[in-house]
Amino acid sequence: MLFAGTFIFELIFLFLISRFLTRKLSALLYRITRSQLATINLMAFLFFPGTVLHEVSHFLMAGLLFVPVGHVELWPKLEGNYVKLGSVQIAQTDIFRRFLIGVAPFLFGTVLLVGMLFYAAQNNLFDNKWFTLLLGYAAFEIGNTMFSSKKDMEGALELFAAFLVFAIIFYFLGVRIPAINFDAIFANQIITQVFKQGTMILLIPLGIDVLLFAILSLLARKNSRQY
């Protein structure tokens, strides 16, 4: 239970810091190179695998929900002073399907990461340094690209408001959701090991992101003092 809570906390922290990292990094690369093309290529090199997973997740979820998909952009492009890593054009639809399409990268990314951890736990691969490095790289790519943008989350507020209204109605009608026995779930050794190793693996993208964020913030302060 402790490891599961730590894993969720790390995901939330990774979400918060990754929101700012790509913007700060792309802005710095542009100031250094003074070239849009060089900035885009460098950002693509760093985040392209994660970008592909992010946009493919939108695409697949839209297909599963029978929502038409337009142009898919996998190569980053510069918008203002930061790089937009990718995009998928989605047709207008109801708020429920729009929300599911918007959060698809987080759902697919989390399932993929946890699936890799399960595979490693069942096959005793955590002692293999090459597989551990692969997991670390995958965690960095997935962790920094699986979170939804403001555009992806359009309609989420209305959906949550609707769920809240229904929850209140069901509460007063006496409808209750059966309790889940989390103690029994986390008593499983494989599940415990997955979350234990997951907390360690997530430290890799978190450590890299925190270090980069600190360096970028320091450089931004120096540049502002010069001007």
C-alpha atoms as a PDB file:
ATOM      1  CA  MET A   1       0.000   0.000   0.000  1.00  0.00           C
ATOM      2  CA  LEU A   2       2.850   2.361   0.868  1.00  0.00           C
ATOM      3  CA  PHE A   3       4.596   1.728  -2.458  1.00  0.00           C
ATOM      4  CA  ALA A   4       1.340   2.220  -4.395  1.00  0.00           C
ATOM      5  CA  GLY A   5       0.784   5.568  -2.681  1.00  0.00           C
ATOM      6  CA  THR A   6       4.379   6.610  -3.373  1.00  0.00           C
ATOM      7  CA  PHE A   7       4.012   5.553  -7.031  1.00  0.00           C
ATOM      8  CA  ILE A   8       0.884   7.712  -7.417  1.00  0.00           C
ATOM      9  CA  PHE A   9       2.576  10.659  -5.655  1.00  0.00           C
ATOM     10  CA  GLU A  10       5.550  10.389  -8.029  1.00  0.00           C
ATOM     11  CA  LEU A  11       3.208  10.351 -11.036  1.00  0.00           C
ATOM     12  CA  ILE A  12       1.512  13.534  -9.797  1.00  0.00           C
ATOM     13  CA  PHE A  13       4.856  15.235  -9.176  1.00  0.00           C
ATOM     14  CA  LEU A  14       6.103  14.127 -12.585  1.00  0.00           C
ATOM     15  CA  PHE A  15       2.959  15.594 -14.132  1.00  0.00           C
ATOM     16  CA  LEU A  16       3.538  18.963 -12.463  1.00  0.00           C
ATOM     17  CA  ILE A  17       7.212  19.291 -13.373  1.00  0.00           C
ATOM     18  CA  SER A  18       6.917  17.921 -16.923  1.00  0.00           C
ATOM     19  CA  ARG A  19       4.325  20.615 -17.728  1.00  0.00           C
ATOM     20  CA  PHE A  20       7.018  23.274 -17.423  1.00  0.00           C
ATOM     21  CA  LEU A  21      10.105  21.369 -18.499  1.00  0.00           C
ATOM     22  CA  THR A  22       9.425  21.107 -22.244  1.00  0.00           C
ATOM     23  CA  ARG A  23       8.561  24.811 -22.489  1.00  0.00           C
ATOM     24  CA  LYS A  24      11.635  25.911 -20.566  1.00  0.00           C
ATOM     25  CA  LEU A  25      13.862  23.526 -22.501  1.00  0.00           C
ATOM     26  CA  SER A  26      12.581  24.535 -25.936  1.00  0.00           C
ATOM     27  CA  ALA A  27      12.863  28.233 -25.039  1.00  0.00           C
ATOM     28  CA  LEU A  28      16.472  27.734 -23.899  1.00  0.00           C
ATOM     29  CA  LEU A  29      17.412  25.724 -26.988  1.00  0.00           C
ATOM     30  CA  TYR A  30      15.987  28.446 -29.203  1.00  0.00           C
ATOM     31  CA  ARG A  31      17.935  31.153 -27.355  1.00  0.00           C
ATOM     32  CA  ILE A  32      21.123  29.107 -27.729  1.00  0.00           C
ATOM     33  CA  THR A  33      20.733  28.018 -31.363  1.00  0.00           C
ATOM     34  CA  ARG A  34      18.718  30.987 -32.647  1.00  0.00           C
ATOM     35  CA  SER A  35      17.276  28.455 -35.066  1.00  0.00           C
ATOM     36  CA  GLN A  36      13.743  27.101 -35.147  1.00  0.00           C
ATOM     37  CA  LEU A  37      14.861  24.070 -37.150  1.00  0.00           C
ATOM     38  CA  ALA A  38      17.652  23.200 -34.714  1.00  0.00           C
ATOM     39  CA  THR A  39      15.307  23.615 -31.739  1.00  0.00           C
ATOM     40  CA  ILE A  40      12.683  21.359 -33.314  1.00  0.00           C
ATOM     41  CA  ASN A  41      15.237  18.700 -34.247  1.00  0.00           C
ATOM     42  CA  LEU A  42      16.764  18.661 -30.763  1.00  0.00           C
ATOM     43  CA  MET A  43      13.362  18.410 -29.086  1.00  0.00           C
ATOM     44  CA  ALA A  44      12.335  15.687 -31.517  1.00  0.00           C
ATOM     45  CA  PHE A  45      15.498  13.738 -30.697  1.00  0.00           C
ATOM     46  CA  LEU A  46      14.777  13.946 -26.967  1.00  0.00           C
ATOM     47  CA  PHE A  47      11.046  13.222 -26.950  1.00  0.00           C
ATOM     48  CA  PHE A  48      10.106  11.618 -30.274  1.00  0.00           C
ATOM     49  CA  PRO A  49       9.342   8.073 -28.939  1.00  0.00           C
ATOM     50  CA  GLY A  50       7.122   9.521 -26.225  1.00  0.00           C
ATOM     51  CA  THR A  51       5.460  11.890 -28.695  1.00  0.00           C
ATOM     52  CA  VAL A  52       4.588   8.978 -30.981  1.00  0.00           C
ATOM     53  CA  LEU A  53       3.049   7.075 -28.058  1.00  0.00           C
ATOM     54  CA  HIS A  54       1.113  10.178 -26.971  1.00  0.00           C
ATOM     55  CA  GLU A  55      -0.434  10.908 -30.358  1.00  0.00           C
ATOM     56  CA  VAL A  56      -1.017   7.244 -31.232  1.00  0.00           C
ATOM     57  CA  SER A  57      -2.905   6.927 -27.922  1.00  0.00           C
ATOM     58  CA  HIS A  58      -5.246   9.766 -28.973  1.00  0.00           C
ATOM     59  CA  PHE A  59      -5.646   8.127 -32.387  1.00  0.00           C
ATOM     60  CA  LEU A  60      -6.403   4.644 -31.026  1.00  0.00           C
ATOM     61  CA  MET A  61      -8.869   5.862 -28.397  1.00  0.00           C
ATOM     62  CA  ALA A  62     -10.705   7.946 -30.998  1.00  0.00           C
ATOM     63  CA  GLY A  63     -10.915   4.870 -33.243  1.00  0.00           C
ATOM     64  CA  LEU A  64     -12.232   2.721 -30.375  1.00  0.00           C
ATOM     65  CA  LEU A  65     -14.916   5.328 -29.663  1.00  0.00           C
ATOM     66  CA  PHE A  66     -15.800   5.756 -33.378  1.00  0.00           C
ATOM     67  CA  VAL A  67     -14.737   9.404 -33.478  1.00  0.00           C
ATOM     68  CA  PRO A  68     -13.304  10.557 -36.858  1.00  0.00           C
ATOM     69  CA  VAL A  69      -9.634  11.534 -36.842  1.00  0.00           C
ATOM     70  CA  GLY A  70      -8.039  14.089 -39.154  1.00  0.00           C
ATOM     71  CA  HIS A  71      -4.408  15.064 -39.644  1.00  0.00           C
ATOM     72  CA  VAL A  72      -1.829  13.451 -37.335  1.00  0.00           C
ATOM     73  CA  GLU A  73       1.353  15.450 -36.621  1.00  0.00           C
ATOM     74  CA  LEU A  74       4.189  13.497 -35.011  1.00  0.00           C
ATOM     75  CA  TRP A  75       7.052  15.902 -35.674  1.00  0.00           C
ATOM     76  CA  PRO A  76       7.409  18.845 -33.272  1.00  0.00           C
ATOM     77  CA  LYS A  77       6.880  22.400 -34.416  1.00  0.00           C
ATOM     78  CA  LEU A  78       7.664  25.750 -32.833  1.00  0.00           C
ATOM     79  CA  GLU A  79       4.705  27.745 -31.506  1.00  0.00           C
ATOM     80  CA  GLY A  80       5.736  31.099 -30.093  1.00  0.00           C
ATOM     81  CA  ASN A  81       8.730  30.496 -27.852  1.00  0.00           C
ATOM     82  CA  TYR A  82       8.161  26.810 -27.142  1.00  0.00           C
ATOM     83  CA  VAL A  83       7.886  23.581 -29.106  1.00  0.00           C
ATOM     84  CA  LYS A  84       4.606  21.726 -29.534  1.00  0.00           C
ATOM     85  CA  LEU A  85       5.630  18.074 -29.659  1.00  0.00           C
ATOM     86  CA  GLY A  86       2.729  16.729 -31.743  1.00  0.00           C
ATOM     87  CA  SER A  87      -1.011  16.849 -32.428  1.00  0.00           C
ATOM     88  CA  VAL A  88      -4.000  14.855 -33.683  1.00  0.00           C
ATOM     89  CA  GLN A  89      -7.094  16.458 -35.173  1.00  0.00           C
ATOM     90  CA  ILE A  90     -10.217  14.985 -33.561  1.00  0.00           C
ATOM     91  CA  ALA A  91     -13.772  15.603 -34.780  1.00  0.00           C
ATOM     92  CA  GLN A  92     -16.328  17.249 -32.505  1.00  0.00           C
ATOM     93  CA  THR A  93     -17.961  14.749 -30.152  1.00  0.00           C
ATOM     94  CA  ASP A  94     -19.683  14.510 -26.771  1.00  0.00           C
ATOM     95  CA  ILE A  95     -17.816  15.508 -23.599  1.00  0.00           C
ATOM     96  CA  PHE A  96     -17.498  11.925 -22.358  1.00  0.00           C
ATOM     97  CA  ARG A  97     -15.704  10.632 -25.452  1.00  0.00           C
ATOM     98  CA  ARG A  98     -13.699  13.860 -25.731  1.00  0.00           C
ATOM     99  CA  PHE A  99     -12.473  13.358 -22.158  1.00  0.00           C
ATOM    100  CA  LEU A 100     -11.494   9.721 -22.790  1.00  0.00           C
ATOM    101  CA  ILE A 101      -9.602  10.720 -25.943  1.00  0.00           C
ATOM    102  CA  GLY A 102      -7.891  13.533 -24.039  1.00  0.00           C
ATOM    103  CA  VAL A 103      -6.658  11.316 -21.193  1.00  0.00           C
ATOM    104  CA  ALA A 104      -5.760   8.399 -23.499  1.00  0.00           C
ATOM    105  CA  PRO A 105      -1.978   9.088 -23.372  1.00  0.00           C
ATOM    106  CA  PHE A 106      -2.044   8.909 -19.575  1.00  0.00           C
ATOM    107  CA  LEU A 107      -4.104   5.698 -19.614  1.00  0.00           C
ATOM    108  CA  PHE A 108      -2.018   3.999 -22.321  1.00  0.00           C
ATOM    109  CA  GLY A 109       1.259   5.269 -20.845  1.00  0.00           C
ATOM    110  CA  THR A 110       0.434   4.078 -17.329  1.00  0.00           C
ATOM    111  CA  VAL A 111      -0.753   0.675 -18.590  1.00  0.00           C
ATOM    112  CA  LEU A 112       2.375   0.285 -20.713  1.00  0.00           C
ATOM    113  CA  LEU A 113       4.719   1.260 -17.885  1.00  0.00           C
ATOM    114  CA  VAL A 114       2.972  -0.934 -15.310  1.00  0.00           C
ATOM    115  CA  GLY A 115       2.819  -3.759 -17.870  1.00  0.00           C
ATOM    116  CA  MET A 116       6.579  -3.568 -18.365  1.00  0.00           C
ATOM    117  CA  LEU A 117       7.040  -3.638 -14.593  1.00  0.00           C
ATOM    118  CA  PHE A 118       4.767  -6.683 -14.289  1.00  0.00           C
ATOM    119  CA  TYR A 119       6.712  -8.454 -17.048  1.00  0.00           C
ATOM    120  CA  ALA A 120       9.993  -7.681 -15.314  1.00  0.00           C
ATOM    121  CA  ALA A 121       8.674  -8.845 -11.940  1.00  0.00           C
ATOM    122  CA  GLN A 122       7.332 -12.135 -13.302  1.00  0.00           C
ATOM    123  CA  ASN A 123      10.550 -12.897 -15.177  1.00  0.00           C
ATOM    124  CA  ASN A 124      13.025 -11.654 -12.542  1.00  0.00           C
ATOM    125  CA  LEU A 125      14.500  -9.049 -14.888  1.00  0.00           C
ATOM    126  CA  PHE A 126      15.165  -6.304 -12.354  1.00  0.00           C
ATOM    127  CA  ASP A 127      18.678  -7.696 -11.843  1.00  0.00           C
ATOM    128  CA  ASN A 128      19.383  -7.241 -15.558  1.00  0.00           C
ATOM    129  CA  LYS A 129      21.060  -3.821 -15.855  1.00  0.00           C
ATOM    130  CA  TRP A 130      20.258  -3.467 -19.569  1.00  0.00           C
ATOM    131  CA  PHE A 131      16.569  -4.111 -19.024  1.00  0.00           C
ATOM    132  CA  THR A 132      16.625  -1.717 -16.063  1.00  0.00           C
ATOM    133  CA  LEU A 133      18.189   0.966 -18.276  1.00  0.00           C
ATOM    134  CA  LEU A 134      15.506   0.292 -20.897  1.00  0.00           C
ATOM    135  CA  LEU A 135      12.826   0.679 -18.236  1.00  0.00           C
ATOM    136  CA  GLY A 136      14.426   3.933 -17.100  1.00  0.00           C
ATOM    137  CA  TYR A 137      14.487   5.313 -20.645  1.00  0.00           C
ATOM    138  CA  ALA A 138      10.888   4.198 -21.216  1.00  0.00           C
ATOM    139  CA  ALA A 139       9.853   5.842 -17.946  1.00  0.00           C
ATOM    140  CA  PHE A 140      11.561   9.094 -18.994  1.00  0.00           C
ATOM    141  CA  GLU A 141       9.857   9.133 -22.404  1.00  0.00           C
ATOM    142  CA  ILE A 142       6.440   8.033 -21.156  1.00  0.00           C
ATOM    143  CA  GLY A 143       6.567  10.148 -18.011  1.00  0.00           C
ATOM    144  CA  ASN A 144       7.321  13.368 -19.872  1.00  0.00           C
ATOM    145  CA  THR A 145       4.816  12.916 -22.700  1.00  0.00           C
ATOM    146  CA  MET A 146       1.837  10.972 -21.350  1.00  0.00           C
ATOM    147  CA  PHE A 147       0.116  13.856 -19.578  1.00  0.00           C
ATOM    148  CA  SER A 148      -2.726  15.649 -21.323  1.00  0.00           C
ATOM    149  CA  SER A 149      -2.467  19.256 -22.466  1.00  0.00           C
ATOM    150  CA  LYS A 150      -5.028  21.989 -21.804  1.00  0.00           C
ATOM    151  CA  LYS A 151      -6.438  21.344 -25.281  1.00  0.00           C
ATOM    152  CA  ASP A 152      -6.771  17.624 -24.532  1.00  0.00           C
ATOM    153  CA  MET A 153      -8.767  18.336 -21.367  1.00  0.00           C
ATOM    154  CA  GLU A 154     -11.466  20.465 -22.998  1.00  0.00           C
ATOM    155  CA  GLY A 155     -14.831  19.454 -21.576  1.00  0.00           C
ATOM    156  CA  ALA A 156     -13.309  17.733 -18.535  1.00  0.00           C
ATOM    157  CA  LEU A 157     -14.759  20.305 -16.099  1.00  0.00           C
ATOM    158  CA  GLU A 158     -18.271  19.820 -17.463  1.00  0.00           C
ATOM    159  CA  LEU A 159     -17.878  16.035 -17.257  1.00  0.00           C
ATOM    160  CA  PHE A 160     -16.674  16.125 -13.650  1.00  0.00           C
ATOM    161  CA  ALA A 161     -19.568  18.453 -12.764  1.00  0.00           C
ATOM    162  CA  ALA A 162     -22.036  15.985 -14.309  1.00  0.00           C
ATOM    163  CA  PHE A 163     -20.482  13.060 -12.389  1.00  0.00           C
ATOM    164  CA  LEU A 164     -20.656  15.079  -9.165  1.00  0.00           C
ATOM    165  CA  VAL A 165     -24.353  15.812  -9.688  1.00  0.00           C
ATOM    166  CA  PHE A 166     -25.093  12.123 -10.344  1.00  0.00           C
ATOM    167  CA  ALA A 167     -22.996  11.077  -7.336  1.00  0.00           C
ATOM    168  CA  ILE A 168     -25.000  13.407  -5.073  1.00  0.00           C
ATOM    169  CA  ILE A 169     -28.294  12.107  -6.489  1.00  0.00           C
ATOM    170  CA  PHE A 170     -27.240   8.465  -6.021  1.00  0.00           C
ATOM    171  CA  TYR A 171     -26.052   9.230  -2.486  1.00  0.00           C
ATOM    172  CA  PHE A 172     -29.428  10.598  -1.427  1.00  0.00           C
ATOM    173  CA  LEU A 173     -31.171   7.687  -3.170  1.00  0.00           C
ATOM    174  CA  GLY A 174     -29.123   5.308  -1.030  1.00  0.00           C
ATOM    175  CA  VAL A 175     -27.052   3.842  -3.865  1.00  0.00           C
ATOM    176  CA  ARG A 176     -23.599   2.786  -2.626  1.00  0.00           C
ATOM    177  CA  ILE A 177     -20.567   1.434  -4.455  1.00  0.00           C
ATOM    178  CA  PRO A 178     -19.272  -1.827  -2.915  1.00  0.00           C
ATOM    179  CA  ALA A 179     -16.096  -1.342  -0.900  1.00  0.00           C
ATOM    180  CA  ILE A 180     -12.834  -2.581  -2.434  1.00  0.00           C
ATOM    181  CA  ASN A 181     -10.533  -4.664  -0.266  1.00  0.00           C
ATOM    182  CA  PHE A 182      -7.229  -2.944  -1.039  1.00  0.00           C
ATOM    183  CA  ASP A 183      -5.408  -4.885   1.681  1.00  0.00           C
ATOM    184  CA  ALA A 184      -6.140  -8.156  -0.133  1.00  0.00           C
ATOM    185  CA  ILE A 185      -5.021  -6.693  -3.461  1.00  0.00           C
ATOM    186  CA  PHE A 186      -1.715  -5.362  -2.157  1.00  0.00           C
ATOM    187  CA  ALA A 187      -1.022  -8.552  -0.229  1.00  0.00           C
ATOM    188  CA  ASN A 188      -0.042 -10.082  -3.572  1.00  0.00           C
ATOM    189  CA  GLN A 189       3.760 -10.191  -3.739  1.00  0.00           C
ATOM    190  CA  ILE A 190       3.934  -9.477  -7.487  1.00  0.00           C
ATOM    191  CA  ILE A 191       1.746  -6.375  -7.159  1.00  0.00           C
ATOM    192  CA  THR A 192       3.841  -5.178  -4.221  1.00  0.00           C
ATOM    193  CA  GLN A 193       7.062  -5.729  -6.187  1.00  0.00           C
ATOM    194  CA  VAL A 194       5.636  -3.933  -9.234  1.00  0.00           C
ATOM    195  CA  PHE A 195       4.864  -0.789  -7.246  1.00  0.00           C
ATOM    196  CA  LYS A 196       8.116  -1.064  -5.287  1.00  0.00           C
ATOM    197  CA  GLN A 197      10.191  -1.232  -8.464  1.00  0.00           C
ATOM    198  CA  GLY A 198       7.908   1.340 -10.092  1.00  0.00           C
ATOM    199  CA  THR A 199       8.720   3.885  -7.405  1.00  0.00           C
ATOM    200  CA  MET A 200      12.423   3.281  -8.064  1.00  0.00           C
ATOM    201  CA  ILE A 201      12.039   3.482 -11.870  1.00  0.00           C
ATOM    202  CA  LEU A 202      10.062   6.740 -11.682  1.00  0.00           C
ATOM    203  CA  LEU A 203      12.930   8.288  -9.746  1.00  0.00           C
ATOM    204  CA  ILE A 204      14.893   8.254 -13.029  1.00  0.00           C
ATOM    205  CA  PRO A 205      12.644  10.657 -15.009  1.00  0.00           C
ATOM    206  CA  LEU A 206      11.933  12.631 -11.832  1.00  0.00           C
ATOM    207  CA  GLY A 207      15.635  13.040 -11.089  1.00  0.00           C
ATOM    208  CA  ILE A 208      16.438  14.056 -14.670  1.00  0.00           C
ATOM    209  CA  ASP A 209      13.485  16.465 -14.791  1.00  0.00           C
ATOM    210  CA  VAL A 210      14.324  18.102 -11.458  1.00  0.00           C
ATOM    211  CA  LEU A 211      17.969  18.516 -12.469  1.00  0.00           C
ATOM    212  CA  LEU A 212      17.068  19.969 -15.875  1.00  0.00           C
ATOM    213  CA  PHE A 213      14.437  22.222 -14.330  1.00  0.00           C
ATOM    214  CA  ALA A 214      16.934  23.567 -11.790  1.00  0.00           C
ATOM    215  CA  ILE A 215      19.568  24.185 -14.484  1.00  0.00           C
ATOM    216  CA  LEU A 216      17.069  25.851 -16.830  1.00  0.00           C
ATOM    217  CA  SER A 217      15.703  28.048 -14.038  1.00  0.00           C
ATOM    218  CA  LEU A 218      19.254  29.112 -13.083  1.00  0.00           C
ATOM    219  CA  LEU A 219      20.119  29.938 -16.690  1.00  0.00           C
ATOM    220  CA  ALA A 220      16.883  31.902 -17.081  1.00  0.00           C
ATOM    221  CA  ARG A 221      17.738  33.978 -14.006  1.00  0.00           C
ATOM    222  CA  LYS A 222      21.221  34.722 -15.338  1.00  0.00           C
ATOM    223  CA  ASN A 223      19.808  35.795 -18.691  1.00  0.00           C
ATOM    224  CA  SER A 224      17.240  38.054 -17.037  1.00  0.00           C
ATOM    225  CA  ARG A 225      19.961  39.742 -14.959  1.00  0.00           C
ATOM    226  CA  GLN A 226      22.038  40.394 -18.066  1.00  0.00           C
ATOM    227  CA  TYR A 227      19.136  42.230 -19.648  1.00  0.00           C
END
